N, C-alpha and C. Protein backbone atom coordinates (compact mmCIF):
# COMPACT_ATOMS: atom_id res chain seq x y z
N MET A 1 13.62 -56.70 -61.93
CA MET A 1 12.95 -57.28 -63.07
C MET A 1 12.23 -58.55 -62.61
N LYS A 2 11.00 -58.69 -63.02
CA LYS A 2 10.19 -59.85 -62.67
C LYS A 2 10.21 -60.85 -63.82
N SER A 3 10.31 -62.12 -63.48
CA SER A 3 10.22 -63.16 -64.51
C SER A 3 9.24 -64.22 -64.03
N TYR A 4 8.70 -64.95 -64.99
CA TYR A 4 7.70 -65.97 -64.70
C TYR A 4 7.81 -67.05 -65.77
N ARG A 5 7.67 -68.29 -65.35
CA ARG A 5 7.73 -69.40 -66.32
C ARG A 5 6.59 -70.37 -66.02
N GLU A 6 5.92 -70.78 -67.06
CA GLU A 6 4.87 -71.80 -66.93
C GLU A 6 4.89 -72.64 -68.19
N GLU A 7 4.85 -73.94 -68.03
CA GLU A 7 4.81 -74.84 -69.18
C GLU A 7 3.38 -75.22 -69.49
N LEU A 8 3.03 -75.14 -70.76
CA LEU A 8 1.71 -75.54 -71.23
C LEU A 8 1.90 -76.76 -72.13
N THR A 9 1.09 -77.76 -71.94
CA THR A 9 1.17 -78.99 -72.73
C THR A 9 -0.12 -79.16 -73.51
N PHE A 10 0.02 -79.56 -74.77
CA PHE A 10 -1.15 -79.73 -75.64
C PHE A 10 -1.06 -81.09 -76.33
N GLU A 11 -2.18 -81.74 -76.46
CA GLU A 11 -2.25 -83.01 -77.18
C GLU A 11 -3.06 -82.79 -78.46
N THR A 12 -2.55 -83.32 -79.56
CA THR A 12 -3.25 -83.21 -80.83
C THR A 12 -3.43 -84.61 -81.43
N LYS A 13 -4.36 -84.71 -82.35
CA LYS A 13 -4.63 -86.00 -82.98
C LYS A 13 -3.57 -86.36 -84.01
N THR A 14 -2.91 -85.35 -84.54
CA THR A 14 -1.86 -85.58 -85.54
C THR A 14 -0.54 -85.03 -85.02
N ARG A 15 0.54 -85.37 -85.70
CA ARG A 15 1.87 -84.92 -85.27
C ARG A 15 1.97 -83.40 -85.25
N ARG A 16 1.40 -82.76 -86.23
CA ARG A 16 1.39 -81.30 -86.30
C ARG A 16 -0.03 -80.81 -86.47
N ALA A 17 -0.33 -79.71 -85.80
CA ALA A 17 -1.67 -79.15 -85.90
C ALA A 17 -1.63 -77.68 -85.50
N TYR A 18 -2.54 -76.91 -86.03
CA TYR A 18 -2.70 -75.53 -85.62
C TYR A 18 -3.72 -75.49 -84.49
N ILE A 19 -3.31 -74.94 -83.36
CA ILE A 19 -4.24 -74.79 -82.25
C ILE A 19 -4.14 -73.37 -81.71
N ASN A 20 -5.25 -72.87 -81.26
CA ASN A 20 -5.28 -71.51 -80.69
C ASN A 20 -4.93 -71.60 -79.21
N ILE A 21 -3.74 -71.12 -78.84
CA ILE A 21 -3.31 -71.17 -77.45
C ILE A 21 -3.48 -69.82 -76.75
N THR A 22 -4.13 -68.87 -77.43
CA THR A 22 -4.30 -67.54 -76.87
C THR A 22 -4.94 -67.54 -75.48
N PRO A 23 -6.03 -68.28 -75.25
CA PRO A 23 -6.63 -68.27 -73.91
C PRO A 23 -5.68 -68.77 -72.82
N GLN A 24 -4.91 -69.80 -73.11
CA GLN A 24 -3.97 -70.34 -72.13
C GLN A 24 -2.83 -69.36 -71.85
N VAL A 25 -2.34 -68.71 -72.91
CA VAL A 25 -1.26 -67.73 -72.74
C VAL A 25 -1.77 -66.52 -71.96
N GLU A 26 -2.97 -66.06 -72.28
CA GLU A 26 -3.55 -64.93 -71.55
C GLU A 26 -3.74 -65.27 -70.07
N ALA A 27 -4.19 -66.49 -69.78
CA ALA A 27 -4.38 -66.92 -68.39
C ALA A 27 -3.05 -66.96 -67.65
N ALA A 28 -2.01 -67.48 -68.29
CA ALA A 28 -0.69 -67.53 -67.67
C ALA A 28 -0.15 -66.13 -67.43
N LEU A 29 -0.38 -65.24 -68.38
CA LEU A 29 0.08 -63.85 -68.24
C LEU A 29 -0.64 -63.16 -67.08
N THR A 30 -1.94 -63.37 -66.97
CA THR A 30 -2.71 -62.80 -65.86
C THR A 30 -2.20 -63.35 -64.53
N LYS A 31 -1.99 -64.65 -64.49
CA LYS A 31 -1.52 -65.33 -63.28
C LYS A 31 -0.14 -64.81 -62.85
N SER A 32 0.70 -64.46 -63.81
CA SER A 32 2.06 -64.03 -63.53
C SER A 32 2.12 -62.66 -62.86
N GLY A 33 1.14 -61.81 -63.16
CA GLY A 33 1.17 -60.45 -62.62
C GLY A 33 2.03 -59.49 -63.43
N VAL A 34 2.65 -59.97 -64.49
CA VAL A 34 3.48 -59.13 -65.34
C VAL A 34 2.57 -58.19 -66.13
N LYS A 35 2.89 -56.91 -66.12
CA LYS A 35 2.04 -55.91 -66.77
C LYS A 35 2.56 -55.49 -68.15
N GLU A 36 3.87 -55.52 -68.33
CA GLU A 36 4.43 -55.16 -69.63
C GLU A 36 5.74 -55.90 -69.84
N GLY A 37 6.12 -56.03 -71.10
CA GLY A 37 7.36 -56.73 -71.43
C GLY A 37 7.14 -57.67 -72.60
N ALA A 38 7.96 -58.70 -72.65
CA ALA A 38 7.90 -59.63 -73.76
C ALA A 38 7.72 -61.04 -73.22
N TYR A 39 7.17 -61.90 -74.05
CA TYR A 39 7.04 -63.29 -73.69
C TYR A 39 7.53 -64.14 -74.85
N GLN A 40 7.96 -65.34 -74.53
CA GLN A 40 8.49 -66.23 -75.55
C GLN A 40 7.67 -67.50 -75.57
N THR A 41 7.28 -67.92 -76.76
CA THR A 41 6.55 -69.17 -76.91
C THR A 41 7.27 -70.05 -77.91
N PRO A 42 8.26 -70.82 -77.44
CA PRO A 42 8.95 -71.72 -78.36
C PRO A 42 8.01 -72.82 -78.84
N GLY A 43 8.25 -73.32 -80.01
CA GLY A 43 7.35 -74.34 -80.54
C GLY A 43 8.07 -75.51 -81.15
N ASP A 44 7.31 -76.49 -81.51
CA ASP A 44 7.79 -77.69 -82.21
C ASP A 44 8.91 -78.40 -81.44
N GLY A 45 8.71 -78.59 -80.15
CA GLY A 45 9.65 -79.37 -79.37
C GLY A 45 10.89 -78.64 -78.89
N THR A 46 10.93 -77.32 -79.05
CA THR A 46 12.12 -76.60 -78.58
C THR A 46 11.92 -76.04 -77.21
């Protein structure tokens, strides 16, 4: 089983904001070489 971890950091003008992280997640997925499976994106400081 292959695993991959990458941390992405985002800065916003307010404490909470909606941001589209799809391009960054897709880039990390491509970089990982993982072809199928699941990914986890914890949010809000977790």
